[in-house]
PDB file of N, CA and C in Angstrom:
ATOM      1  N   MET A   1      -2.990  -1.004   2.538  1.00  0.00           N
ATOM      2  CA  MET A   1      -1.989  -0.524   2.171  1.00  0.00           C
ATOM      3  C   MET A   1      -1.108  -1.180   3.289  1.00  0.00           C
ATOM      4  N   PHE A   2      -0.330  -1.515   2.381  1.00  0.00           N
ATOM      5  CA  PHE A   2       1.402  -2.484   3.664  1.00  0.00           C
ATOM      6  C   PHE A   2       2.489  -1.189   3.769  1.00  0.00           C
ATOM      7  N   THR A   3       2.567  -0.620   4.979  1.00  0.00           N
ATOM      8  CA  THR A   3       3.450   0.682   5.285  1.00  0.00           C
ATOM      9  C   THR A   3       4.755   0.099   6.334  1.00  0.00           C
ATOM     10  N   THR A   4       5.408   1.425   6.527  1.00  0.00           N
ATOM     11  CA  THR A   4       6.305   1.163   7.696  1.00  0.00           C
ATOM     12  C   THR A   4       5.968   2.760   8.929  1.00  0.00           C
ATOM     13  N   SER A   5       6.303   2.795   9.564  1.00  0.00           N
ATOM     14  CA  SER A   5       6.144   3.832  10.409  1.00  0.00           C
ATOM     15  C   SER A   5       7.140   5.044  10.080  1.00  0.00           C
ATOM     16  N   TRP A   6       8.390   4.555   8.864  1.00  0.00           N
ATOM     17  CA  TRP A   6       9.658   5.371   8.619  1.00  0.00           C
ATOM     18  C   TRP A   6       9.725   6.072   7.163  1.00  0.00           C
ATOM     19  N   CYS A   7       8.495   4.904   6.449  1.00  0.00           N
ATOM     20  CA  CYS A   7       8.514   5.494   4.520  1.00  0.00           C
ATOM     21  C   CYS A   7       7.865   7.068   4.524  1.00  0.00           C
ATOM     22  N   GLY A   8       8.213   7.676   3.656  1.00  0.00           N
ATOM     23  CA  GLY A   8       8.234   8.968   3.275  1.00  0.00           C
ATOM     24  C   GLY A   8       6.991   8.823   2.225  1.00  0.00           C
ATOM     25  N   TYR A   9       6.716   7.830   1.143  1.00  0.00           N
ATOM     26  CA  TYR A   9       6.368   7.429   0.301  1.00  0.00           C
ATOM     27  C   TYR A   9       4.786   6.910   1.347  1.00  0.00           C
ATOM     28  N   CYS A  10       4.801   5.931   2.067  1.00  0.00           N
ATOM     29  CA  CYS A  10       3.369   5.334   2.939  1.00  0.00           C
ATOM     30  C   CYS A  10       2.772   7.369   3.364  1.00  0.00           C
ATOM     31  N   ARG A  11       3.785   7.498   4.095  1.00  0.00           N
ATOM     32  CA  ARG A  11       3.048   8.880   4.754  1.00  0.00           C
ATOM     33  C   ARG A  11       2.262  10.064   3.804  1.00  0.00           C
ATOM     34  N   ARG A  12       2.908  10.079   1.931  1.00  0.00           N
ATOM     35  CA  ARG A  12       2.385  10.837   1.088  1.00  0.00           C
ATOM     36  C   ARG A  12       1.679  10.187   0.572  1.00  0.00           C
ATOM     37  N   LEU A  13       0.870   8.636   0.098  1.00  0.00           N
ATOM     38  CA  LEU A  13      -0.191   8.358  -0.565  1.00  0.00           C
ATOM     39  C   LEU A  13      -1.731   8.011   0.610  1.00  0.00           C
ATOM     40  N   LYS A  14      -0.824   7.679   1.979  1.00  0.00           N
ATOM     41  CA  LYS A  14      -1.537   7.948   2.924  1.00  0.00           C
ATOM     42  C   LYS A  14      -2.707   9.734   3.053  1.00  0.00           C
ATOM     43  N   SER A  15      -2.344  10.274   3.147  1.00  0.00           N
ATOM     44  CA  SER A  15      -2.374  11.568   2.943  1.00  0.00           C
ATOM     45  C   SER A  15      -3.724  11.796   2.184  1.00  0.00           C
ATOM     46  N   GLN A  16      -2.824  11.394   0.857  1.00  0.00           N
ATOM     47  CA  GLN A  16      -3.848  11.594  -0.767  1.00  0.00           C
ATOM     48  C   GLN A  16      -4.857  11.094  -0.204  1.00  0.00           C
ATOM     49  N   LEU A  17      -5.214   9.909  -0.405  1.00  0.00           N
ATOM     50  CA  LEU A  17      -5.977   9.023   0.080  1.00  0.00           C
ATOM     51  C   LEU A  17      -6.533   9.714   0.803  1.00  0.00           C
ATOM     52  N   ASP A  18      -6.348   9.852   1.935  1.00  0.00           N
ATOM     53  CA  ASP A  18      -7.192  10.822   3.228  1.00  0.00           C
ATOM     54  C   ASP A  18      -7.812  11.739   2.789  1.00  0.00           C
ATOM     55  N   ARG A  19      -7.129  12.721   1.757  1.00  0.00           N
ATOM     56  CA  ARG A  19      -7.798  13.935   1.962  1.00  0.00           C
ATOM     57  C   ARG A  19      -8.786  13.789   0.694  1.00  0.00           C
ATOM     58  N   ASP A  20      -8.857  12.554  -0.184  1.00  0.00           N
ATOM     59  CA  ASP A  20      -9.248  12.356  -1.671  1.00  0.00           C
ATOM     60  C   ASP A  20     -10.933  11.318  -0.989  1.00  0.00           C
ATOM     61  N   GLY A  21     -11.339  11.029   0.107  1.00  0.00           N
ATOM     62  CA  GLY A  21     -12.135  10.174   0.750  1.00  0.00           C
ATOM     63  C   GLY A  21     -11.691   8.886   0.549  1.00  0.00           C
ATOM     64  N   VAL A  22     -10.812   8.613  -0.072  1.00  0.00           N
ATOM     65  CA  VAL A  22     -10.340   7.448   0.112  1.00  0.00           C
ATOM     66  C   VAL A  22     -10.145   6.740   1.323  1.00  0.00           C
ATOM     67  N   HIS A  23     -11.041   5.420   1.930  1.00  0.00           N
ATOM     68  CA  HIS A  23     -10.796   4.471   2.476  1.00  0.00           C
ATOM     69  C   HIS A  23      -9.575   3.423   2.098  1.00  0.00           C
ATOM     70  N   PHE A  24      -8.775   2.967   3.334  1.00  0.00           N
ATOM     71  CA  PHE A  24      -8.011   2.244   3.821  1.00  0.00           C
ATOM     72  C   PHE A  24      -7.839   0.850   4.662  1.00  0.00           C
ATOM     73  N   THR A  25      -6.865   0.717   4.214  1.00  0.00           N
ATOM     74  CA  THR A  25      -6.357   0.144   5.693  1.00  0.00           C
ATOM     75  C   THR A  25      -5.470  -0.170   5.815  1.00  0.00           C
ATOM     76  N   GLU A  26      -4.451  -0.209   6.982  1.00  0.00           N
ATOM     77  CA  GLU A  26      -2.842   0.266   6.932  1.00  0.00           C
ATOM     78  C   GLU A  26      -2.439  -0.984   8.117  1.00  0.00           C
ATOM     79  N   VAL A  27      -2.260  -1.859   7.456  1.00  0.00           N
ATOM     80  CA  VAL A  27      -1.120  -2.577   8.130  1.00  0.00           C
ATOM     81  C   VAL A  27       0.641  -2.400   7.630  1.00  0.00           C
ATOM     82  N   ASP A  28       1.030  -2.128   8.780  1.00  0.00           N
ATOM     83  CA  ASP A  28       2.967  -2.041   9.470  1.00  0.00           C
ATOM     84  C   ASP A  28       3.542  -3.191   9.647  1.00  0.00           C
ATOM     85  N   ILE A  29       3.948  -2.804   8.156  1.00  0.00           N
ATOM     86  CA  ILE A  29       4.823  -4.671   8.735  1.00  0.00           C
ATOM     87  C   ILE A  29       5.885  -4.421   9.649  1.00  0.00           C
ATOM     88  N   GLU A  30       6.412  -3.773   9.869  1.00  0.00           N
ATOM     89  CA  GLU A  30       6.891  -3.757  10.828  1.00  0.00           C
ATOM     90  C   GLU A  30       6.073  -4.413  12.324  1.00  0.00           C
ATOM     91  N   ALA A  31       5.104  -3.342  12.373  1.00  0.00           N
ATOM     92  CA  ALA A  31       4.208  -3.757  13.567  1.00  0.00           C
ATOM     93  C   ALA A  31       3.330  -4.795  13.484  1.00  0.00           C
ATOM     94  N   HIS A  32       3.370  -5.876  12.322  1.00  0.00           N
ATOM     95  CA  HIS A  32       2.940  -6.840  12.292  1.00  0.00           C
ATOM     96  C   HIS A  32       4.162  -7.575  11.002  1.00  0.00           C
ATOM     97  N   PRO A  33       4.655  -7.861  11.546  1.00  0.00           N
ATOM     98  CA  PRO A  33       5.850  -8.635  10.881  1.00  0.00           C
ATOM     99  C   PRO A  33       5.334 -10.717   9.771  1.00  0.00           C
ATOM    100  N   GLU A  34       4.148 -10.420  10.650  1.00  0.00           N
ATOM    101  CA  GLU A  34       3.788 -12.017   9.605  1.00  0.00           C
ATOM    102  C   GLU A  34       3.310 -11.475   8.189  1.00  0.00           C
ATOM    103  N   HIS A  35       2.817 -10.270   8.223  1.00  0.00           N
ATOM    104  CA  HIS A  35       2.356 -10.165   6.236  1.00  0.00           C
ATOM    105  C   HIS A  35       3.436  -9.206   5.882  1.00  0.00           C
ATOM    106  N   ALA A  36       5.068  -9.334   6.101  1.00  0.00           N
ATOM    107  CA  ALA A  36       6.585  -8.703   5.700  1.00  0.00           C
ATOM    108  C   ALA A  36       6.593 -10.525   4.359  1.00  0.00           C
ATOM    109  N   ASP A  37       5.708 -10.994   4.720  1.00  0.00           N
ATOM    110  CA  ASP A  37       6.333 -12.497   3.883  1.00  0.00           C
ATOM    111  C   ASP A  37       5.246 -12.836   2.654  1.00  0.00           C
ATOM    112  N   TRP A  38       4.153 -11.626   2.719  1.00  0.00           N
ATOM    113  CA  TRP A  38       2.711 -11.282   0.975  1.00  0.00           C
ATOM    114  C   TRP A  38       3.732  -9.787   0.416  1.00  0.00           C
ATOM    115  N   VAL A  39       4.145  -8.949   1.388  1.00  0.00           N
ATOM    116  CA  VAL A  39       5.199  -8.034   0.408  1.00  0.00           C
ATOM    117  C   VAL A  39       5.736  -8.285  -0.554  1.00  0.00           C
ATOM    118  N   GLU A  40       6.653  -9.271   0.160  1.00  0.00           N
ATOM    119  CA  GLU A  40       8.209 -10.036  -0.318  1.00  0.00           C
ATOM    120  C   GLU A  40       6.992 -10.548  -1.572  1.00  0.00           C
ATOM    121  N   SER A  41       6.836 -11.444  -1.496  1.00  0.00           N
ATOM    122  CA  SER A  41       5.875 -12.198  -2.678  1.00  0.00           C
ATOM    123  C   SER A  41       5.658 -11.443  -3.935  1.00  0.00           C
ATOM    124  N   VAL A  42       4.652 -10.378  -3.366  1.00  0.00           N
ATOM    125  CA  VAL A  42       4.065  -9.647  -5.210  1.00  0.00           C
ATOM    126  C   VAL A  42       5.503  -8.105  -5.159  1.00  0.00           C
ATOM    127  N   ASN A  43       6.626  -8.430  -4.542  1.00  0.00           N
ATOM    128  CA  ASN A  43       7.442  -7.669  -4.504  1.00  0.00           C
ATOM    129  C   ASN A  43       9.229  -7.966  -4.600  1.00  0.00           C
ATOM    130  N   GLY A  44       9.093  -9.355  -5.762  1.00  0.00           N
ATOM    131  CA  GLY A  44      10.464  -9.800  -6.063  1.00  0.00           C
ATOM    132  C   GLY A  44      11.421 -10.217  -4.933  1.00  0.00           C
ATOM    133  N   GLY A  45      10.483 -10.250  -4.102  1.00  0.00           N
ATOM    134  CA  GLY A  45      11.874 -10.645  -2.976  1.00  0.00           C
ATOM    135  C   GLY A  45      12.254  -9.244  -1.791  1.00  0.00           C
ATOM    136  N   ASN A  46      12.112  -8.482  -1.950  1.00  0.00           N
ATOM    137  CA  ASN A  46      11.912  -7.195  -1.659  1.00  0.00           C
ATOM    138  C   ASN A  46      10.021  -6.741  -0.560  1.00  0.00           C
ATOM    139  N   ARG A  47      11.005  -6.158   0.944  1.00  0.00           N
ATOM    140  CA  ARG A  47      10.254  -5.645   1.746  1.00  0.00           C
ATOM    141  C   ARG A  47       9.608  -4.173   0.793  1.00  0.00           C
ATOM    142  N   THR A  48       8.749  -3.535  -0.135  1.00  0.00           N
ATOM    143  CA  THR A  48       9.099  -2.365  -0.878  1.00  0.00           C
ATOM    144  C   THR A  48       7.499  -1.813   0.198  1.00  0.00           C
ATOM    145  N   VAL A  49       7.117  -0.494   0.706  1.00  0.00           N
ATOM    146  CA  VAL A  49       6.231  -0.119   0.611  1.00  0.00           C
ATOM    147  C   VAL A  49       6.128   0.830   0.184  1.00  0.00           C
ATOM    148  N   PRO A  50       4.651   1.394   0.045  1.00  0.00           N
ATOM    149  CA  PRO A  50       3.844   0.753  -0.049  1.00  0.00           C
ATOM    150  C   PRO A  50       3.644   0.593  -0.902  1.00  0.00           C
ATOM    151  N   THR A  51       2.848  -0.842  -0.577  1.00  0.00           N
ATOM    152  CA  THR A  51       2.390  -1.800  -1.325  1.00  0.00           C
ATOM    153  C   THR A  51       1.097  -1.729  -1.095  1.00  0.00           C
ATOM    154  N   VAL A  52       0.291  -1.902  -2.025  1.00  0.00           N
ATOM    155  CA  VAL A  52      -1.287  -1.360  -2.005  1.00  0.00           C
ATOM    156  C   VAL A  52      -2.328  -2.823  -2.475  1.00  0.00           C
ATOM    157  N   LEU A  53      -2.838  -3.622  -1.637  1.00  0.00           N
ATOM    158  CA  LEU A  53      -3.360  -4.645  -2.297  1.00  0.00           C
ATOM    159  C   LEU A  53      -5.133  -4.396  -2.700  1.00  0.00           C
ATOM    160  N   PHE A  54      -5.280  -4.559  -3.506  1.00  0.00           N
ATOM    161  CA  PHE A  54      -7.128  -3.620  -3.998  1.00  0.00           C
ATOM    162  C   PHE A  54      -7.639  -5.265  -4.030  1.00  0.00           C
ATOM    163  N   PRO A  55      -9.912  -5.051  -4.094  1.00  0.00           N
ATOM    164  CA  PRO A  55     -10.596  -5.708  -4.079  1.00  0.00           C
ATOM    165  C   PRO A  55     -10.254  -7.057  -4.135  1.00  0.00           C
ATOM    166  N   ASP A  56      -9.495  -6.862  -5.831  1.00  0.00           N
ATOM    167  CA  ASP A  56      -9.987  -7.466  -6.530  1.00  0.00           C
ATOM    168  C   ASP A  56      -8.229  -8.954  -6.941  1.00  0.00           C
ATOM    169  N   GLY A  57      -8.082  -8.180  -5.227  1.00  0.00           N
ATOM    170  CA  GLY A  57      -6.558  -9.214  -5.504  1.00  0.00           C
ATOM    171  C   GLY A  57      -5.425  -9.353  -6.043  1.00  0.00           C
ATOM    172  N   SER A  58      -5.645  -7.736  -6.852  1.00  0.00           N
ATOM    173  CA  SER A  58      -4.106  -7.253  -7.447  1.00  0.00           C
ATOM    174  C   SER A  58      -3.873  -6.286  -6.281  1.00  0.00           C
ATOM    175  N   ALA A  59      -2.119  -5.521  -6.897  1.00  0.00           N
ATOM    176  CA  ALA A  59      -1.394  -5.148  -5.854  1.00  0.00           C
ATOM    177  C   ALA A  59      -0.500  -4.504  -6.762  1.00  0.00           C
ATOM    178  N   ALA A  60      -0.171  -3.339  -6.128  1.00  0.00           N
ATOM    179  CA  ALA A  60       0.532  -1.951  -6.375  1.00  0.00           C
ATOM    180  C   ALA A  60       1.614  -1.741  -6.253  1.00  0.00           C
ATOM    181  N   THR A  61       2.410  -1.686  -6.246  1.00  0.00           N
ATOM    182  CA  THR A  61       3.581  -0.712  -5.522  1.00  0.00           C
ATOM    183  C   THR A  61       3.534   0.850  -5.330  1.00  0.00           C
ATOM    184  N   ASN A  62       3.865   1.289  -4.066  1.00  0.00           N
ATOM    185  CA  ASN A  62       4.209   3.089  -4.544  1.00  0.00           C
ATOM    186  C   ASN A  62       3.369   3.018  -6.001  1.00  0.00           C
ATOM    187  N   PRO A  63       1.765   2.813  -5.364  1.00  0.00           N
ATOM    188  CA  PRO A  63       0.733   3.677  -6.568  1.00  0.00           C
ATOM    189  C   PRO A  63       1.026   4.904  -6.229  1.00  0.00           C
ATOM    190  N   SER A  64       0.765   5.936  -7.596  1.00  0.00           N
ATOM    191  CA  SER A  64       0.270   7.369  -7.298  1.00  0.00           C
ATOM    192  C   SER A  64      -1.825   7.043  -6.612  1.00  0.00           C
ATOM    193  N   LEU A  65      -1.941   8.367  -6.138  1.00  0.00           N
ATOM    194  CA  LEU A  65      -3.256   8.680  -5.825  1.00  0.00           C
ATOM    195  C   LEU A  65      -4.286   8.233  -7.598  1.00  0.00           C
ATOM    196  N   VAL A  66      -3.544   8.887  -8.393  1.00  0.00           N
ATOM    197  CA  VAL A  66      -4.516   8.791  -9.606  1.00  0.00           C
ATOM    198  C   VAL A  66      -3.912   6.914 -10.197  1.00  0.00           C
ATOM    199  N   GLU A  67      -3.362   6.110  -9.754  1.00  0.00           N
ATOM    200  CA  GLU A  67      -3.646   4.437 -10.008  1.00  0.00           C
ATOM    201  C   GLU A  67      -4.490   3.974  -9.410  1.00  0.00           C
ATOM    202  N   VAL A  68      -4.307   4.592  -8.572  1.00  0.00           N
ATOM    203  CA  VAL A  68      -4.970   3.960  -6.553  1.00  0.00           C
ATOM    204  C   VAL A  68      -6.711   4.058  -7.121  1.00  0.00           C
ATOM    205  N   ARG A  69      -7.319   5.444  -7.645  1.00  0.00           N
ATOM    206  CA  ARG A  69      -8.917   5.681  -7.575  1.00  0.00           C
ATOM    207  C   ARG A  69      -8.854   4.869  -9.326  1.00  0.00           C
ATOM    208  N   ALA A  70      -7.927   4.821 -10.204  1.00  0.00           N
ATOM    209  CA  ALA A  70      -8.494   3.996 -11.872  1.00  0.00           C
ATOM    210  C   ALA A  70      -8.434   2.425 -11.025  1.00  0.00           C
ATOM    211  N   ARG A  71      -7.521   1.998 -10.639  1.00  0.00           N
ATOM    212  CA  ARG A  71      -8.029   0.635 -10.309  1.00  0.00           C
ATOM    213  C   ARG A  71      -9.159   0.123  -9.052  1.00  0.00           C
ATOM    214  N   LEU A  72      -9.023   1.773  -8.609  1.00  0.00           N
ATOM    215  CA  LEU A  72     -10.715   1.278  -7.842  1.00  0.00           C
ATOM    216  C   LEU A  72     -11.794   1.232  -8.262  1.00  0.00           C
ATOM    217  N   SER A  73     -12.052   1.993  -8.821  1.00  0.00           N
ATOM    218  CA  SER A  73     -13.185   2.165  -9.607  1.00  0.00           C
ATOM    219  C   SER A  73     -13.598   1.565 -11.490  1.00  0.00           C
ATOM    220  N   ALA A  74     -12.538   0.107 -11.529  1.00  0.00           N
ATOM    221  CA  ALA A  74     -12.609  -0.671 -12.832  1.00  0.00           C
ATOM    222  C   ALA A  74     -13.153  -1.810 -12.673  1.00  0.00           C
TER     223      ALA A  74
END
């Protein structure tokens, strides 16, 4: 999951995933700006977070916990 430190939506999704036992790796695109280009590439040029990269290579921007769970079990 690509995030920033100030993003409330990121904090919410991380909290929900932790509570649900869904393991994820967090990449703060401000601390690691080399990843910002990828976030922009899947968000029409915007650095919109949270952006979640799934194991199948697909991505979702600001997904709900339900969407994350569904895409992980597909």
